[in-house]
Amino acid sequence: MNINIKVYLHSKGTRFFQSGSFAVMNSDFKKDPDWTAAIAAYEWIQQIKVKFAASDDFRIDEVIYNEDNDITELVKKVKPTF
């Protein structure tokens, strides 16, 4: 299934917005939709950081999925597993 994610980020003294649609495992989403969305958002934010060469002041201001589910704090708690 797909979820829509909107992120508001801050880097280089500027707040910016990105949005997109992401495939997630249906079974994972049914078990814990917020955490599944948070992982997808975290992975995407990491790609954004690399693509835009984020500065030291990079921060996550807000993360929302499917229009009205705020998962900002959950995304901040996601840790890489490598």
C-alpha atoms as a PDB file:
ATOM      1  CA  MET A   1       0.000   0.000   0.000  1.00  0.00           C
ATOM      2  CA  ASN A   2       1.030   3.634  -0.392  1.00  0.00           C
ATOM      3  CA  ILE A   3       1.058   6.437   2.146  1.00  0.00           C
ATOM      4  CA  ASN A   4       1.481  10.154   1.532  1.00  0.00           C
ATOM      5  CA  ILE A   5       4.141  11.913   3.585  1.00  0.00           C
ATOM      6  CA  LYS A   6       4.741  15.640   4.039  1.00  0.00           C
ATOM      7  CA  VAL A   7       7.892  16.898   5.749  1.00  0.00           C
ATOM      8  CA  TYR A   8       8.854  20.367   6.876  1.00  0.00           C
ATOM      9  CA  LEU A   9      12.604  20.586   7.331  1.00  0.00           C
ATOM     10  CA  HIS A  10      15.111  23.278   8.183  1.00  0.00           C
ATOM     11  CA  SER A  11      18.615  23.586   6.736  1.00  0.00           C
ATOM     12  CA  LYS A  12      20.965  26.421   5.864  1.00  0.00           C
ATOM     13  CA  GLY A  13      18.727  28.914   7.651  1.00  0.00           C
ATOM     14  CA  THR A  14      15.692  28.034   5.541  1.00  0.00           C
ATOM     15  CA  ARG A  15      12.529  26.056   6.225  1.00  0.00           C
ATOM     16  CA  PHE A  16      11.430  23.920   3.297  1.00  0.00           C
ATOM     17  CA  PHE A  17       8.685  21.474   2.396  1.00  0.00           C
ATOM     18  CA  GLN A  18       8.769  18.141   0.571  1.00  0.00           C
ATOM     19  CA  SER A  19       5.981  15.649  -0.083  1.00  0.00           C
ATOM     20  CA  GLY A  20       5.687  12.277  -1.721  1.00  0.00           C
ATOM     21  CA  SER A  21       3.975   8.907  -1.873  1.00  0.00           C
ATOM     22  CA  PHE A  22       5.729   5.842  -0.464  1.00  0.00           C
ATOM     23  CA  ALA A  23       5.090   2.112  -0.583  1.00  0.00           C
ATOM     24  CA  VAL A  24       4.940   0.359   2.779  1.00  0.00           C
ATOM     25  CA  MET A  25       4.247  -3.243   3.705  1.00  0.00           C
ATOM     26  CA  ASN A  26       0.512  -3.667   4.214  1.00  0.00           C
ATOM     27  CA  SER A  27       1.034  -6.141   7.080  1.00  0.00           C
ATOM     28  CA  ASP A  28       3.435  -3.785   8.906  1.00  0.00           C
ATOM     29  CA  PHE A  29       1.059  -0.861   8.431  1.00  0.00           C
ATOM     30  CA  LYS A  30      -1.872  -2.828   9.861  1.00  0.00           C
ATOM     31  CA  LYS A  31       0.175  -3.763  12.955  1.00  0.00           C
ATOM     32  CA  ASP A  32       1.525  -0.277  13.674  1.00  0.00           C
ATOM     33  CA  PRO A  33       0.647   2.397  11.116  1.00  0.00           C
ATOM     34  CA  ASP A  34       2.387   5.313  12.846  1.00  0.00           C
ATOM     35  CA  TRP A  35       5.692   3.479  13.347  1.00  0.00           C
ATOM     36  CA  THR A  36       5.648   2.080   9.794  1.00  0.00           C
ATOM     37  CA  ALA A  37       5.072   5.581   8.425  1.00  0.00           C
ATOM     38  CA  ALA A  38       7.799   6.982  10.705  1.00  0.00           C
ATOM     39  CA  ILE A  39      10.365   4.525   9.350  1.00  0.00           C
ATOM     40  CA  ALA A  40       9.447   5.372   5.751  1.00  0.00           C
ATOM     41  CA  ALA A  41       9.666   9.093   6.529  1.00  0.00           C
ATOM     42  CA  TYR A  42      13.006   8.725   8.332  1.00  0.00           C
ATOM     43  CA  GLU A  43      14.556   6.845   5.406  1.00  0.00           C
ATOM     44  CA  TRP A  44      13.305   9.474   2.972  1.00  0.00           C
ATOM     45  CA  ILE A  45      14.582  12.336   5.149  1.00  0.00           C
ATOM     46  CA  GLN A  46      18.036  10.706   5.163  1.00  0.00           C
ATOM     47  CA  GLN A  47      17.970  10.733   1.352  1.00  0.00           C
ATOM     48  CA  ILE A  48      16.911  14.389   1.361  1.00  0.00           C
ATOM     49  CA  LYS A  49      19.796  15.249   3.701  1.00  0.00           C
ATOM     50  CA  VAL A  50      22.308  13.682   1.318  1.00  0.00           C
ATOM     51  CA  LYS A  51      20.719  15.083  -1.849  1.00  0.00           C
ATOM     52  CA  PHE A  52      20.621  18.659  -0.571  1.00  0.00           C
ATOM     53  CA  ALA A  53      23.899  18.504   1.393  1.00  0.00           C
ATOM     54  CA  ALA A  54      22.190  19.451   4.642  1.00  0.00           C
ATOM     55  CA  SER A  55      24.013  21.845   6.927  1.00  0.00           C
ATOM     56  CA  ASP A  56      24.780  21.563  10.641  1.00  0.00           C
ATOM     57  CA  ASP A  57      21.555  23.395  11.470  1.00  0.00           C
ATOM     58  CA  PHE A  58      19.445  20.648   9.815  1.00  0.00           C
ATOM     59  CA  ARG A  59      16.346  19.754  11.780  1.00  0.00           C
ATOM     60  CA  ILE A  60      13.001  18.059  11.319  1.00  0.00           C
ATOM     61  CA  ASP A  61      10.208  20.551  12.051  1.00  0.00           C
ATOM     62  CA  GLU A  62       7.129  18.511  11.179  1.00  0.00           C
ATOM     63  CA  VAL A  63       6.223  15.161   9.598  1.00  0.00           C
ATOM     64  CA  ILE A  64       2.667  14.259   8.630  1.00  0.00           C
ATOM     65  CA  TYR A  65       1.321  11.238   6.795  1.00  0.00           C
ATOM     66  CA  ASN A  66      -2.035  10.743   5.070  1.00  0.00           C
ATOM     67  CA  GLU A  67      -3.025  14.385   5.597  1.00  0.00           C
ATOM     68  CA  ASP A  68      -3.558  14.537   9.366  1.00  0.00           C
ATOM     69  CA  ASN A  69      -1.351  12.051  11.253  1.00  0.00           C
ATOM     70  CA  ASP A  70       1.498  13.925  12.949  1.00  0.00           C
ATOM     71  CA  ILE A  71       4.457  11.578  13.507  1.00  0.00           C
ATOM     72  CA  THR A  72       7.154  14.194  14.056  1.00  0.00           C
ATOM     73  CA  GLU A  73       8.285  12.877  17.442  1.00  0.00           C
ATOM     74  CA  LEU A  74       8.249   9.240  16.279  1.00  0.00           C
ATOM     75  CA  VAL A  75      10.449  10.063  13.289  1.00  0.00           C
ATOM     76  CA  LYS A  76      12.950  11.737  15.628  1.00  0.00           C
ATOM     77  CA  LYS A  77      13.116   8.474  17.634  1.00  0.00           C
ATOM     78  CA  VAL A  78      13.945   6.236  14.643  1.00  0.00           C
ATOM     79  CA  LYS A  79      17.534   4.987  14.809  1.00  0.00           C
ATOM     80  CA  PRO A  80      19.529   3.446  11.959  1.00  0.00           C
ATOM     81  CA  THR A  81      19.974  -0.339  12.211  1.00  0.00           C
ATOM     82  CA  PHE A  82      23.395  -0.656  10.557  1.00  0.00           C
END
